[in-house]
PDB file of N, CA and C in Angstrom:
ATOM      1  N   MET A   1       0.675  -0.740  -0.025  1.00  0.00           N
ATOM      2  CA  MET A   1      -0.171  -0.290  -0.036  1.00  0.00           C
ATOM      3  C   MET A   1       0.614   1.408   0.317  1.00  0.00           C
ATOM      4  N   LYS A   2       0.307   2.560  -1.063  1.00  0.00           N
ATOM      5  CA  LYS A   2       1.289   3.452  -0.908  1.00  0.00           C
ATOM      6  C   LYS A   2       1.452   4.882   0.309  1.00  0.00           C
ATOM      7  N   GLN A   3       2.257   5.023   0.687  1.00  0.00           N
ATOM      8  CA  GLN A   3       2.424   5.769   1.861  1.00  0.00           C
ATOM      9  C   GLN A   3       1.752   7.302   1.597  1.00  0.00           C
ATOM     10  N   LEU A   4       1.473   7.617   2.683  1.00  0.00           N
ATOM     11  CA  LEU A   4       0.921   9.288   1.615  1.00  0.00           C
ATOM     12  C   LEU A   4       1.797  10.347   2.144  1.00  0.00           C
ATOM     13  N   SER A   5       2.127  10.961   0.663  1.00  0.00           N
ATOM     14  CA  SER A   5       2.668  12.485   1.062  1.00  0.00           C
ATOM     15  C   SER A   5       2.272  12.646   2.723  1.00  0.00           C
ATOM     16  N   LEU A   6       3.418  14.181   3.182  1.00  0.00           N
ATOM     17  CA  LEU A   6       3.390  14.669   4.134  1.00  0.00           C
ATOM     18  C   LEU A   6       2.038  15.905   4.241  1.00  0.00           C
ATOM     19  N   SER A   7       2.516  16.320   2.279  1.00  0.00           N
ATOM     20  CA  SER A   7       1.233  17.534   2.560  1.00  0.00           C
ATOM     21  C   SER A   7       0.238  16.491   1.881  1.00  0.00           C
ATOM     22  N   ALA A   8       0.025  15.723   2.176  1.00  0.00           N
ATOM     23  CA  ALA A   8      -1.576  14.710   1.648  1.00  0.00           C
ATOM     24  C   ALA A   8      -2.169  14.546   3.044  1.00  0.00           C
ATOM     25  N   LYS A   9      -0.799  13.872   4.437  1.00  0.00           N
ATOM     26  CA  LYS A   9      -1.639  13.757   5.580  1.00  0.00           C
ATOM     27  C   LYS A   9      -1.871  15.222   6.221  1.00  0.00           C
ATOM     28  N   LEU A  10      -1.070  16.143   5.486  1.00  0.00           N
ATOM     29  CA  LEU A  10      -1.248  17.952   6.235  1.00  0.00           C
ATOM     30  C   LEU A  10      -3.610  18.197   5.966  1.00  0.00           C
ATOM     31  N   ILE A  11      -3.253  18.395   4.600  1.00  0.00           N
ATOM     32  CA  ILE A  11      -4.661  18.627   4.044  1.00  0.00           C
ATOM     33  C   ILE A  11      -5.565  17.799   4.504  1.00  0.00           C
ATOM     34  N   ILE A  12      -5.307  16.892   5.351  1.00  0.00           N
ATOM     35  CA  ILE A  12      -6.139  15.486   5.896  1.00  0.00           C
ATOM     36  C   ILE A  12      -6.395  15.791   7.367  1.00  0.00           C
ATOM     37  N   LEU A  13      -5.083  15.956   7.848  1.00  0.00           N
ATOM     38  CA  LEU A  13      -4.898  17.118   9.045  1.00  0.00           C
ATOM     39  C   LEU A  13      -5.720  18.095   9.366  1.00  0.00           C
ATOM     40  N   PHE A  14      -5.993  18.866   8.224  1.00  0.00           N
ATOM     41  CA  PHE A  14      -6.495  20.423   8.319  1.00  0.00           C
ATOM     42  C   PHE A  14      -7.704  20.537   8.078  1.00  0.00           C
ATOM     43  N   LEU A  15      -8.297  19.602   7.357  1.00  0.00           N
ATOM     44  CA  LEU A  15      -9.589  18.732   6.925  1.00  0.00           C
ATOM     45  C   LEU A  15     -10.662  18.621   7.943  1.00  0.00           C
ATOM     46  N   LEU A  16      -9.726  17.052   9.075  1.00  0.00           N
ATOM     47  CA  LEU A  16     -10.521  16.507   9.939  1.00  0.00           C
ATOM     48  C   LEU A  16     -10.740  17.536  10.977  1.00  0.00           C
ATOM     49  N   VAL A  17      -9.437  19.060  11.202  1.00  0.00           N
ATOM     50  CA  VAL A  17      -9.936  19.462  12.380  1.00  0.00           C
ATOM     51  C   VAL A  17     -11.041  20.603  12.032  1.00  0.00           C
ATOM     52  N   GLY A  18     -10.763  21.460  11.206  1.00  0.00           N
ATOM     53  CA  GLY A  18     -12.071  22.137  10.462  1.00  0.00           C
ATOM     54  C   GLY A  18     -13.303  21.514  10.696  1.00  0.00           C
ATOM     55  N   LEU A  19     -13.989  19.944  10.453  1.00  0.00           N
ATOM     56  CA  LEU A  19     -14.834  19.311  10.568  1.00  0.00           C
ATOM     57  C   LEU A  19     -15.205  17.898  11.257  1.00  0.00           C
ATOM     58  N   ILE A  20     -14.666  18.719  12.366  1.00  0.00           N
ATOM     59  CA  ILE A  20     -15.011  18.230  13.544  1.00  0.00           C
ATOM     60  C   ILE A  20     -16.612  17.519  13.533  1.00  0.00           C
ATOM     61  N   PRO A  21     -16.821  16.162  13.973  1.00  0.00           N
ATOM     62  CA  PRO A  21     -18.496  15.838  13.550  1.00  0.00           C
ATOM     63  C   PRO A  21     -19.118  16.841  15.603  1.00  0.00           C
ATOM     64  N   PHE A  22     -20.341  16.218  15.427  1.00  0.00           N
ATOM     65  CA  PHE A  22     -21.423  16.073  16.553  1.00  0.00           C
ATOM     66  C   PHE A  22     -20.785  18.005  16.414  1.00  0.00           C
ATOM     67  N   GLY A  23     -21.138  18.237  15.732  1.00  0.00           N
ATOM     68  CA  GLY A  23     -20.926  20.348  16.628  1.00  0.00           C
ATOM     69  C   GLY A  23     -19.931  21.042  17.144  1.00  0.00           C
ATOM     70  N   VAL A  24     -18.759  20.192  17.246  1.00  0.00           N
ATOM     71  CA  VAL A  24     -18.029  20.807  18.151  1.00  0.00           C
ATOM     72  C   VAL A  24     -17.191  21.413  16.965  1.00  0.00           C
ATOM     73  N   ILE A  25     -16.790  22.538  18.034  1.00  0.00           N
ATOM     74  CA  ILE A  25     -15.914  23.472  16.982  1.00  0.00           C
ATOM     75  C   ILE A  25     -14.745  23.643  18.044  1.00  0.00           C
ATOM     76  N   SER A  26     -13.698  23.756  16.972  1.00  0.00           N
ATOM     77  CA  SER A  26     -12.785  24.229  17.515  1.00  0.00           C
ATOM     78  C   SER A  26     -11.610  25.100  16.344  1.00  0.00           C
ATOM     79  N   THR A  27     -10.904  25.688  17.231  1.00  0.00           N
ATOM     80  CA  THR A  27      -9.923  27.019  16.486  1.00  0.00           C
ATOM     81  C   THR A  27      -8.361  26.456  16.654  1.00  0.00           C
ATOM     82  N   ILE A  28      -7.690  26.684  15.395  1.00  0.00           N
ATOM     83  CA  ILE A  28      -6.077  26.301  15.855  1.00  0.00           C
ATOM     84  C   ILE A  28      -5.170  27.141  15.877  1.00  0.00           C
ATOM     85  N   SER A  29      -5.532  27.744  17.151  1.00  0.00           N
ATOM     86  CA  SER A  29      -4.422  29.335  17.248  1.00  0.00           C
ATOM     87  C   SER A  29      -3.313  29.378  16.751  1.00  0.00           C
ATOM     88  N   TYR A  30      -2.503  27.876  16.937  1.00  0.00           N
ATOM     89  CA  TYR A  30      -1.364  28.674  16.133  1.00  0.00           C
ATOM     90  C   TYR A  30      -0.439  27.477  15.728  1.00  0.00           C
ATOM     91  N   LEU A  31       1.088  27.150  15.693  1.00  0.00           N
ATOM     92  CA  LEU A  31       1.918  26.575  14.872  1.00  0.00           C
ATOM     93  C   LEU A  31       3.133  26.360  15.716  1.00  0.00           C
ATOM     94  N   PHE A  32       3.421  25.304  16.539  1.00  0.00           N
ATOM     95  CA  PHE A  32       4.961  24.985  16.722  1.00  0.00           C
ATOM     96  C   PHE A  32       6.042  24.378  15.763  1.00  0.00           C
ATOM     97  N   LEU A  33       7.332  24.794  15.922  1.00  0.00           N
ATOM     98  CA  LEU A  33       8.120  23.758  15.167  1.00  0.00           C
ATOM     99  C   LEU A  33       9.098  23.921  15.632  1.00  0.00           C
ATOM    100  N   PHE A  34       9.564  22.208  15.957  1.00  0.00           N
ATOM    101  CA  PHE A  34      10.857  21.755  16.544  1.00  0.00           C
ATOM    102  C   PHE A  34      11.422  21.217  16.255  1.00  0.00           C
ATOM    103  N   ASN A  35      12.913  21.183  16.709  1.00  0.00           N
ATOM    104  CA  ASN A  35      14.130  20.542  15.976  1.00  0.00           C
ATOM    105  C   ASN A  35      13.736  18.746  17.071  1.00  0.00           C
ATOM    106  N   PRO A  36      14.773  17.796  16.372  1.00  0.00           N
ATOM    107  CA  PRO A  36      14.515  16.614  16.593  1.00  0.00           C
ATOM    108  C   PRO A  36      15.118  16.586  18.172  1.00  0.00           C
ATOM    109  N   ASP A  37      15.754  17.640  18.949  1.00  0.00           N
ATOM    110  CA  ASP A  37      16.238  16.994  20.497  1.00  0.00           C
ATOM    111  C   ASP A  37      14.197  17.556  20.983  1.00  0.00           C
ATOM    112  N   GLY A  38      13.854  18.287  20.344  1.00  0.00           N
ATOM    113  CA  GLY A  38      12.421  18.652  21.241  1.00  0.00           C
ATOM    114  C   GLY A  38      12.098  20.505  21.882  1.00  0.00           C
ATOM    115  N   TYR A  39      13.173  21.088  20.753  1.00  0.00           N
ATOM    116  CA  TYR A  39      13.329  22.755  21.508  1.00  0.00           C
ATOM    117  C   TYR A  39      12.135  23.115  20.242  1.00  0.00           C
ATOM    118  N   ALA A  40      11.873  24.462  20.973  1.00  0.00           N
ATOM    119  CA  ALA A  40      11.184  24.875  20.074  1.00  0.00           C
ATOM    120  C   ALA A  40      11.190  25.728  19.251  1.00  0.00           C
ATOM    121  N   PHE A  41      11.717  25.790  17.984  1.00  0.00           N
ATOM    122  CA  PHE A  41      12.654  26.726  17.285  1.00  0.00           C
ATOM    123  C   PHE A  41      11.851  27.885  16.335  1.00  0.00           C
ATOM    124  N   TYR A  42      10.162  27.291  16.569  1.00  0.00           N
ATOM    125  CA  TYR A  42       9.409  28.598  16.458  1.00  0.00           C
ATOM    126  C   TYR A  42       7.556  28.648  16.850  1.00  0.00           C
ATOM    127  N   THR A  43       7.183  29.572  17.457  1.00  0.00           N
ATOM    128  CA  THR A  43       5.631  29.742  17.253  1.00  0.00           C
ATOM    129  C   THR A  43       5.510  31.131  16.949  1.00  0.00           C
ATOM    130  N   VAL A  44       4.549  30.881  16.450  1.00  0.00           N
ATOM    131  CA  VAL A  44       3.396  31.609  15.935  1.00  0.00           C
ATOM    132  C   VAL A  44       2.608  33.114  17.244  1.00  0.00           C
ATOM    133  N   ALA A  45       2.835  32.952  18.452  1.00  0.00           N
ATOM    134  CA  ALA A  45       2.682  33.521  19.062  1.00  0.00           C
ATOM    135  C   ALA A  45       4.072  34.338  19.945  1.00  0.00           C
ATOM    136  N   GLN A  46       4.946  33.219  19.869  1.00  0.00           N
ATOM    137  CA  GLN A  46       6.589  34.187  21.084  1.00  0.00           C
ATOM    138  C   GLN A  46       5.884  33.836  22.466  1.00  0.00           C
ATOM    139  N   LYS A  47       5.287  32.696  23.027  1.00  0.00           N
ATOM    140  CA  LYS A  47       4.588  33.089  24.725  1.00  0.00           C
ATOM    141  C   LYS A  47       6.044  32.501  24.732  1.00  0.00           C
ATOM    142  N   ALA A  48       5.215  32.299  26.265  1.00  0.00           N
ATOM    143  CA  ALA A  48       6.392  31.653  27.600  1.00  0.00           C
ATOM    144  C   ALA A  48       7.107  29.802  26.866  1.00  0.00           C
ATOM    145  N   ASP A  49       5.564  30.107  25.972  1.00  0.00           N
ATOM    146  CA  ASP A  49       6.976  28.494  25.540  1.00  0.00           C
ATOM    147  C   ASP A  49       7.702  28.220  24.515  1.00  0.00           C
ATOM    148  N   TYR A  50       7.851  29.862  23.324  1.00  0.00           N
ATOM    149  CA  TYR A  50       9.129  29.801  22.607  1.00  0.00           C
ATOM    150  C   TYR A  50      10.521  29.288  23.220  1.00  0.00           C
ATOM    151  N   LYS A  51      10.996  28.788  22.431  1.00  0.00           N
ATOM    152  CA  LYS A  51      12.505  29.346  22.971  1.00  0.00           C
ATOM    153  C   LYS A  51      12.749  28.020  23.775  1.00  0.00           C
ATOM    154  N   THR A  52      11.531  27.262  24.066  1.00  0.00           N
ATOM    155  CA  THR A  52      12.364  26.224  25.388  1.00  0.00           C
ATOM    156  C   THR A  52      12.266  24.531  24.618  1.00  0.00           C
ATOM    157  N   ASN A  53      12.925  23.804  26.116  1.00  0.00           N
ATOM    158  CA  ASN A  53      12.962  22.298  25.429  1.00  0.00           C
ATOM    159  C   ASN A  53      11.745  22.053  25.547  1.00  0.00           C
ATOM    160  N   PHE A  54      10.808  21.033  25.460  1.00  0.00           N
ATOM    161  CA  PHE A  54       9.546  20.245  25.539  1.00  0.00           C
ATOM    162  C   PHE A  54      10.731  18.593  26.213  1.00  0.00           C
ATOM    163  N   VAL A  55      11.557  18.203  25.843  1.00  0.00           N
ATOM    164  CA  VAL A  55      11.891  16.719  25.989  1.00  0.00           C
ATOM    165  C   VAL A  55      12.362  16.854  27.919  1.00  0.00           C
ATOM    166  N   ASN A  56      13.208  18.108  28.087  1.00  0.00           N
ATOM    167  CA  ASN A  56      14.044  17.993  29.342  1.00  0.00           C
ATOM    168  C   ASN A  56      13.583  19.408  29.961  1.00  0.00           C
ATOM    169  N   GLY A  57      13.081  20.454  29.102  1.00  0.00           N
ATOM    170  CA  GLY A  57      12.718  21.288  30.084  1.00  0.00           C
ATOM    171  C   GLY A  57      11.879  21.491  30.495  1.00  0.00           C
ATOM    172  N   LYS A  58      11.047  23.101  31.139  1.00  0.00           N
ATOM    173  CA  LYS A  58      10.011  23.682  32.032  1.00  0.00           C
ATOM    174  C   LYS A  58       8.768  23.205  31.423  1.00  0.00           C
ATOM    175  N   TYR A  59       8.382  22.433  30.429  1.00  0.00           N
ATOM    176  CA  TYR A  59       7.182  21.843  29.714  1.00  0.00           C
ATOM    177  C   TYR A  59       7.591  21.101  29.533  1.00  0.00           C
ATOM    178  N   ALA A  60       8.068  20.252  29.459  1.00  0.00           N
ATOM    179  CA  ALA A  60       8.533  18.212  29.752  1.00  0.00           C
ATOM    180  C   ALA A  60       7.767  17.790  30.229  1.00  0.00           C
ATOM    181  N   ASP A  61       6.754  17.744  31.105  1.00  0.00           N
ATOM    182  CA  ASP A  61       5.904  17.622  32.435  1.00  0.00           C
ATOM    183  C   ASP A  61       4.409  17.768  31.228  1.00  0.00           C
ATOM    184  N   SER A  62       3.983  18.979  30.730  1.00  0.00           N
ATOM    185  CA  SER A  62       3.223  19.198  29.936  1.00  0.00           C
ATOM    186  C   SER A  62       2.863  17.823  28.783  1.00  0.00           C
ATOM    187  N   GLY A  63       1.024  18.037  28.729  1.00  0.00           N
ATOM    188  CA  GLY A  63       0.747  17.230  27.408  1.00  0.00           C
ATOM    189  C   GLY A  63       1.120  17.381  26.368  1.00  0.00           C
ATOM    190  N   LEU A  64       2.162  18.693  25.222  1.00  0.00           N
ATOM    191  CA  LEU A  64       2.939  19.010  24.665  1.00  0.00           C
ATOM    192  C   LEU A  64       4.136  18.406  24.955  1.00  0.00           C
ATOM    193  N   GLY A  65       5.193  18.244  26.237  1.00  0.00           N
ATOM    194  CA  GLY A  65       5.706  17.492  26.120  1.00  0.00           C
ATOM    195  C   GLY A  65       5.800  16.480  26.078  1.00  0.00           C
ATOM    196  N   ASN A  66       4.550  15.555  26.822  1.00  0.00           N
ATOM    197  CA  ASN A  66       4.654  14.209  26.527  1.00  0.00           C
ATOM    198  C   ASN A  66       4.103  13.755  24.572  1.00  0.00           C
ATOM    199  N   LEU A  67       3.872  14.593  24.533  1.00  0.00           N
ATOM    200  CA  LEU A  67       3.521  14.602  22.519  1.00  0.00           C
ATOM    201  C   LEU A  67       4.690  14.311  21.950  1.00  0.00           C
ATOM    202  N   VAL A  68       5.691  15.729  22.377  1.00  0.00           N
ATOM    203  CA  VAL A  68       6.914  15.249  21.650  1.00  0.00           C
ATOM    204  C   VAL A  68       7.802  14.221  21.686  1.00  0.00           C
ATOM    205  N   ARG A  69       7.987  13.690  22.546  1.00  0.00           N
ATOM    206  CA  ARG A  69       8.506  13.153  23.106  1.00  0.00           C
ATOM    207  C   ARG A  69       8.329  11.620  21.982  1.00  0.00           C
ATOM    208  N   THR A  70       6.768  11.777  22.614  1.00  0.00           N
ATOM    209  CA  THR A  70       6.231  10.316  21.751  1.00  0.00           C
ATOM    210  C   THR A  70       6.540  10.243  20.534  1.00  0.00           C
ATOM    211  N   VAL A  71       6.286  11.365  20.080  1.00  0.00           N
ATOM    212  CA  VAL A  71       6.506  11.810  18.044  1.00  0.00           C
ATOM    213  C   VAL A  71       7.262  11.592  17.745  1.00  0.00           C
ATOM    214  N   LEU A  72       8.520  11.953  18.742  1.00  0.00           N
ATOM    215  CA  LEU A  72      10.378  11.875  18.545  1.00  0.00           C
ATOM    216  C   LEU A  72      10.427  10.391  18.939  1.00  0.00           C
ATOM    217  N   SER A  73      10.094   9.322  19.449  1.00  0.00           N
ATOM    218  CA  SER A  73      10.058   7.839  19.106  1.00  0.00           C
ATOM    219  C   SER A  73       9.666   7.182  18.530  1.00  0.00           C
ATOM    220  N   THR A  74       8.040   7.689  18.032  1.00  0.00           N
ATOM    221  CA  THR A  74       7.304   6.561  17.061  1.00  0.00           C
ATOM    222  C   THR A  74       7.800   6.605  15.870  1.00  0.00           C
ATOM    223  N   LYS A  75       7.846   7.805  15.766  1.00  0.00           N
ATOM    224  CA  LYS A  75       8.386   8.322  13.946  1.00  0.00           C
ATOM    225  C   LYS A  75       6.909   8.535  13.539  1.00  0.00           C
ATOM    226  N   GLN A  76       5.722   8.687  14.131  1.00  0.00           N
ATOM    227  CA  GLN A  76       4.122   8.528  14.504  1.00  0.00           C
ATOM    228  C   GLN A  76       3.724   9.998  14.149  1.00  0.00           C
ATOM    229  N   TYR A  77       2.700  10.076  13.162  1.00  0.00           N
ATOM    230  CA  TYR A  77       2.239  11.458  14.007  1.00  0.00           C
ATOM    231  C   TYR A  77       0.994  10.796  15.744  1.00  0.00           C
ATOM    232  N   GLY A  78       0.391  12.402  16.769  1.00  0.00           N
ATOM    233  CA  GLY A  78       0.062  11.717  17.479  1.00  0.00           C
ATOM    234  C   GLY A  78      -0.544  13.091  18.544  1.00  0.00           C
ATOM    235  N   LEU A  79      -1.615  12.589  19.038  1.00  0.00           N
ATOM    236  CA  LEU A  79      -2.303  13.309  19.614  1.00  0.00           C
ATOM    237  C   LEU A  79      -2.453  13.659  20.454  1.00  0.00           C
ATOM    238  N   ALA A  80      -2.350  14.894  21.800  1.00  0.00           N
ATOM    239  CA  ALA A  80      -2.560  15.192  23.347  1.00  0.00           C
ATOM    240  C   ALA A  80      -3.870  16.146  23.700  1.00  0.00           C
ATOM    241  N   ASN A  81      -4.466  15.423  23.890  1.00  0.00           N
ATOM    242  CA  ASN A  81      -5.864  15.338  25.096  1.00  0.00           C
ATOM    243  C   ASN A  81      -5.919  16.718  25.208  1.00  0.00           C
ATOM    244  N   PHE A  82      -7.112  17.538  25.182  1.00  0.00           N
ATOM    245  CA  PHE A  82      -7.108  19.322  25.900  1.00  0.00           C
ATOM    246  C   PHE A  82      -7.150  18.838  27.338  1.00  0.00           C
ATOM    247  N   ALA A  83      -5.878  19.106  28.362  1.00  0.00           N
ATOM    248  CA  ALA A  83      -6.131  19.082  28.607  1.00  0.00           C
ATOM    249  C   ALA A  83      -5.147  20.696  29.862  1.00  0.00           C
ATOM    250  N   SER A  84      -5.220  20.880  30.989  1.00  0.00           N
ATOM    251  CA  SER A  84      -4.383  22.621  31.329  1.00  0.00           C
ATOM    252  C   SER A  84      -3.016  23.126  31.006  1.00  0.00           C
ATOM    253  N   TYR A  85      -2.835  24.214  30.018  1.00  0.00           N
ATOM    254  CA  TYR A  85      -1.007  24.274  29.564  1.00  0.00           C
ATOM    255  C   TYR A  85      -1.328  25.407  30.091  1.00  0.00           C
ATOM    256  N   THR A  86      -0.651  25.373  31.084  1.00  0.00           N
ATOM    257  CA  THR A  86       0.720  26.639  31.473  1.00  0.00           C
ATOM    258  C   THR A  86       1.016  27.599  31.008  1.00  0.00           C
ATOM    259  N   PRO A  87       1.620  27.343  29.359  1.00  0.00           N
ATOM    260  CA  PRO A  87       1.987  29.335  28.844  1.00  0.00           C
ATOM    261  C   PRO A  87       0.654  29.952  28.369  1.00  0.00           C
ATOM    262  N   ASP A  88      -0.530  28.944  28.332  1.00  0.00           N
ATOM    263  CA  ASP A  88      -2.117  29.355  28.236  1.00  0.00           C
ATOM    264  C   ASP A  88      -2.800  29.872  29.141  1.00  0.00           C
ATOM    265  N   ASN A  89      -2.232  30.253  30.344  1.00  0.00           N
ATOM    266  CA  ASN A  89      -2.682  30.583  31.922  1.00  0.00           C
ATOM    267  C   ASN A  89      -3.650  29.190  31.918  1.00  0.00           C
ATOM    268  N   GLY A  90      -3.742  28.256  31.826  1.00  0.00           N
ATOM    269  CA  GLY A  90      -3.522  26.840  32.193  1.00  0.00           C
ATOM    270  C   GLY A  90      -5.427  26.476  31.441  1.00  0.00           C
ATOM    271  N   ASP A  91      -4.854  27.135  30.743  1.00  0.00           N
ATOM    272  CA  ASP A  91      -6.541  27.037  29.840  1.00  0.00           C
ATOM    273  C   ASP A  91      -7.184  25.679  29.209  1.00  0.00           C
ATOM    274  N   PRO A  92      -7.517  25.281  28.544  1.00  0.00           N
ATOM    275  CA  PRO A  92      -7.432  23.561  28.229  1.00  0.00           C
ATOM    276  C   PRO A  92      -6.781  24.094  26.806  1.00  0.00           C
ATOM    277  N   CYS A  93      -5.876  22.987  26.590  1.00  0.00           N
ATOM    278  CA  CYS A  93      -5.476  22.989  25.207  1.00  0.00           C
ATOM    279  C   CYS A  93      -4.795  21.580  24.682  1.00  0.00           C
ATOM    280  N   ALA A  94      -5.565  21.088  23.385  1.00  0.00           N
ATOM    281  CA  ALA A  94      -4.913  19.886  22.615  1.00  0.00           C
ATOM    282  C   ALA A  94      -4.415  20.601  21.886  1.00  0.00           C
ATOM    283  N   PHE A  95      -3.113  19.357  21.418  1.00  0.00           N
ATOM    284  CA  PHE A  95      -2.272  19.332  20.483  1.00  0.00           C
ATOM    285  C   PHE A  95      -2.330  17.606  19.780  1.00  0.00           C
ATOM    286  N   ILE A  96      -1.810  18.661  17.914  1.00  0.00           N
ATOM    287  CA  ILE A  96      -1.606  17.137  16.950  1.00  0.00           C
ATOM    288  C   ILE A  96      -0.067  17.785  16.855  1.00  0.00           C
ATOM    289  N   ALA A  97      -0.151  16.321  16.758  1.00  0.00           N
ATOM    290  CA  ALA A  97       1.697  16.545  15.603  1.00  0.00           C
ATOM    291  C   ALA A  97       2.128  15.330  14.686  1.00  0.00           C
ATOM    292  N   GLN A  98       3.032  16.009  13.929  1.00  0.00           N
ATOM    293  CA  GLN A  98       3.883  15.841  12.423  1.00  0.00           C
ATOM    294  C   GLN A  98       4.386  15.448  12.550  1.00  0.00           C
ATOM    295  N   PRO A  99       5.589  14.155  12.331  1.00  0.00           N
ATOM    296  CA  PRO A  99       7.225  14.617  12.688  1.00  0.00           C
ATOM    297  C   PRO A  99       7.515  14.616  10.660  1.00  0.00           C
ATOM    298  N   VAL A 100       8.475  14.895  10.818  1.00  0.00           N
ATOM    299  CA  VAL A 100       8.283  14.827   9.181  1.00  0.00           C
ATOM    300  C   VAL A 100      10.238  14.147   9.607  1.00  0.00           C
ATOM    301  N   VAL A 101      10.026  13.097   8.398  1.00  0.00           N
ATOM    302  CA  VAL A 101      11.248  12.286   8.559  1.00  0.00           C
ATOM    303  C   VAL A 101      12.167  11.037   7.083  1.00  0.00           C
ATOM    304  N   PHE A 102      13.637  11.870   7.127  1.00  0.00           N
ATOM    305  CA  PHE A 102      14.125  11.162   6.406  1.00  0.00           C
ATOM    306  C   PHE A 102      15.126  10.704   6.808  1.00  0.00           C
ATOM    307  N   ASN A 103      15.471   9.856   5.802  1.00  0.00           N
ATOM    308  CA  ASN A 103      16.558   8.772   6.242  1.00  0.00           C
ATOM    309  C   ASN A 103      15.541   7.908   7.570  1.00  0.00           C
ATOM    310  N   ASP A 104      14.328   8.065   7.622  1.00  0.00           N
ATOM    311  CA  ASP A 104      13.657   6.968   9.040  1.00  0.00           C
ATOM    312  C   ASP A 104      14.487   8.049  10.370  1.00  0.00           C
ATOM    313  N   LYS A 105      15.192   8.768  10.498  1.00  0.00           N
ATOM    314  CA  LYS A 105      15.379  10.180  11.170  1.00  0.00           C
ATOM    315  C   LYS A 105      13.984  11.200  11.242  1.00  0.00           C
ATOM    316  N   VAL A 106      13.634  11.693  12.253  1.00  0.00           N
ATOM    317  CA  VAL A 106      13.052  12.363  12.798  1.00  0.00           C
ATOM    318  C   VAL A 106      13.941  13.943  12.419  1.00  0.00           C
ATOM    319  N   GLU A 107      13.463  15.264  11.472  1.00  0.00           N
ATOM    320  CA  GLU A 107      13.644  16.024  11.668  1.00  0.00           C
ATOM    321  C   GLU A 107      13.742  17.108  11.948  1.00  0.00           C
ATOM    322  N   MET A 108      12.467  17.137  12.114  1.00  0.00           N
ATOM    323  CA  MET A 108      11.784  18.161  12.636  1.00  0.00           C
ATOM    324  C   MET A 108      10.220  17.449  12.639  1.00  0.00           C
ATOM    325  N   LYS A 109       9.483  18.759  13.858  1.00  0.00           N
ATOM    326  CA  LYS A 109       8.040  17.962  14.395  1.00  0.00           C
ATOM    327  C   LYS A 109       7.556  19.970  14.156  1.00  0.00           C
ATOM    328  N   MET A 110       6.494  18.923  13.573  1.00  0.00           N
ATOM    329  CA  MET A 110       4.994  20.421  13.070  1.00  0.00           C
ATOM    330  C   MET A 110       4.226  19.944  14.513  1.00  0.00           C
ATOM    331  N   ILE A 111       3.475  20.984  15.360  1.00  0.00           N
ATOM    332  CA  ILE A 111       2.398  20.775  15.777  1.00  0.00           C
ATOM    333  C   ILE A 111       1.432  22.236  15.770  1.00  0.00           C
ATOM    334  N   LEU A 112      -0.033  22.054  16.077  1.00  0.00           N
ATOM    335  CA  LEU A 112      -0.943  22.825  15.876  1.00  0.00           C
ATOM    336  C   LEU A 112      -0.866  22.500  16.770  1.00  0.00           C
ATOM    337  N   LYS A 113      -1.707  23.386  17.698  1.00  0.00           N
ATOM    338  CA  LYS A 113      -2.517  23.685  19.444  1.00  0.00           C
ATOM    339  C   LYS A 113      -3.667  23.626  19.044  1.00  0.00           C
ATOM    340  N   ILE A 114      -4.797  23.617  19.328  1.00  0.00           N
ATOM    341  CA  ILE A 114      -6.197  24.090  19.210  1.00  0.00           C
ATOM    342  C   ILE A 114      -6.526  23.862  20.810  1.00  0.00           C
ATOM    343  N   PHE A 115      -7.525  24.923  20.584  1.00  0.00           N
ATOM    344  CA  PHE A 115      -8.236  25.765  22.029  1.00  0.00           C
ATOM    345  C   PHE A 115      -9.570  26.126  21.344  1.00  0.00           C
ATOM    346  N   ASN A 116     -10.335  26.200  22.963  1.00  0.00           N
ATOM    347  CA  ASN A 116     -11.216  27.375  22.652  1.00  0.00           C
ATOM    348  C   ASN A 116     -12.277  26.516  21.928  1.00  0.00           C
ATOM    349  N   LEU A 117     -12.390  24.877  22.281  1.00  0.00           N
ATOM    350  CA  LEU A 117     -14.040  24.216  22.666  1.00  0.00           C
ATOM    351  C   LEU A 117     -14.808  24.282  22.719  1.00  0.00           C
ATOM    352  N   HIS A 118     -15.939  24.577  21.900  1.00  0.00           N
ATOM    353  CA  HIS A 118     -17.200  24.766  21.541  1.00  0.00           C
ATOM    354  C   HIS A 118     -18.756  24.191  21.389  1.00  0.00           C
ATOM    355  N   PHE A 119     -19.529  23.649  22.211  1.00  0.00           N
ATOM    356  CA  PHE A 119     -20.561  22.621  21.606  1.00  0.00           C
ATOM    357  C   PHE A 119     -21.275  23.684  21.210  1.00  0.00           C
ATOM    358  N   LYS A 120     -22.267  23.482  20.082  1.00  0.00           N
ATOM    359  CA  LYS A 120     -23.791  24.061  19.978  1.00  0.00           C
ATOM    360  C   LYS A 120     -24.770  23.300  20.951  1.00  0.00           C
ATOM    361  N   THR A 121     -25.600  24.675  21.366  1.00  0.00           N
ATOM    362  CA  THR A 121     -26.491  23.885  22.075  1.00  0.00           C
ATOM    363  C   THR A 121     -27.556  23.677  20.915  1.00  0.00           C
TER     364      THR A 121
END
């Protein structure tokens, strides 16, 4: 079976996030880019989590830190469920991660943060 390209996976990911069923609306707040060591070298908002290491730094025990380590070890996309996230004033956030793998080595991880989960009434 042919593997999907990274571009195809990301397009599917964006579609799934935008089309969550059962009346759930979510918002992707911003993008993180991590090097293979777990260092956040780019974030859109450049909050307290910018330029920190999520493998062994102060946010290593967060849902995002756990996701960074999981994606690094499995070399597969991953999800972190909604949980309190300190850099966002403890507001609940979820994360979706996609590693960029070349020659069986994780070169970079792209992670989207999702917040503001609302249910239609």
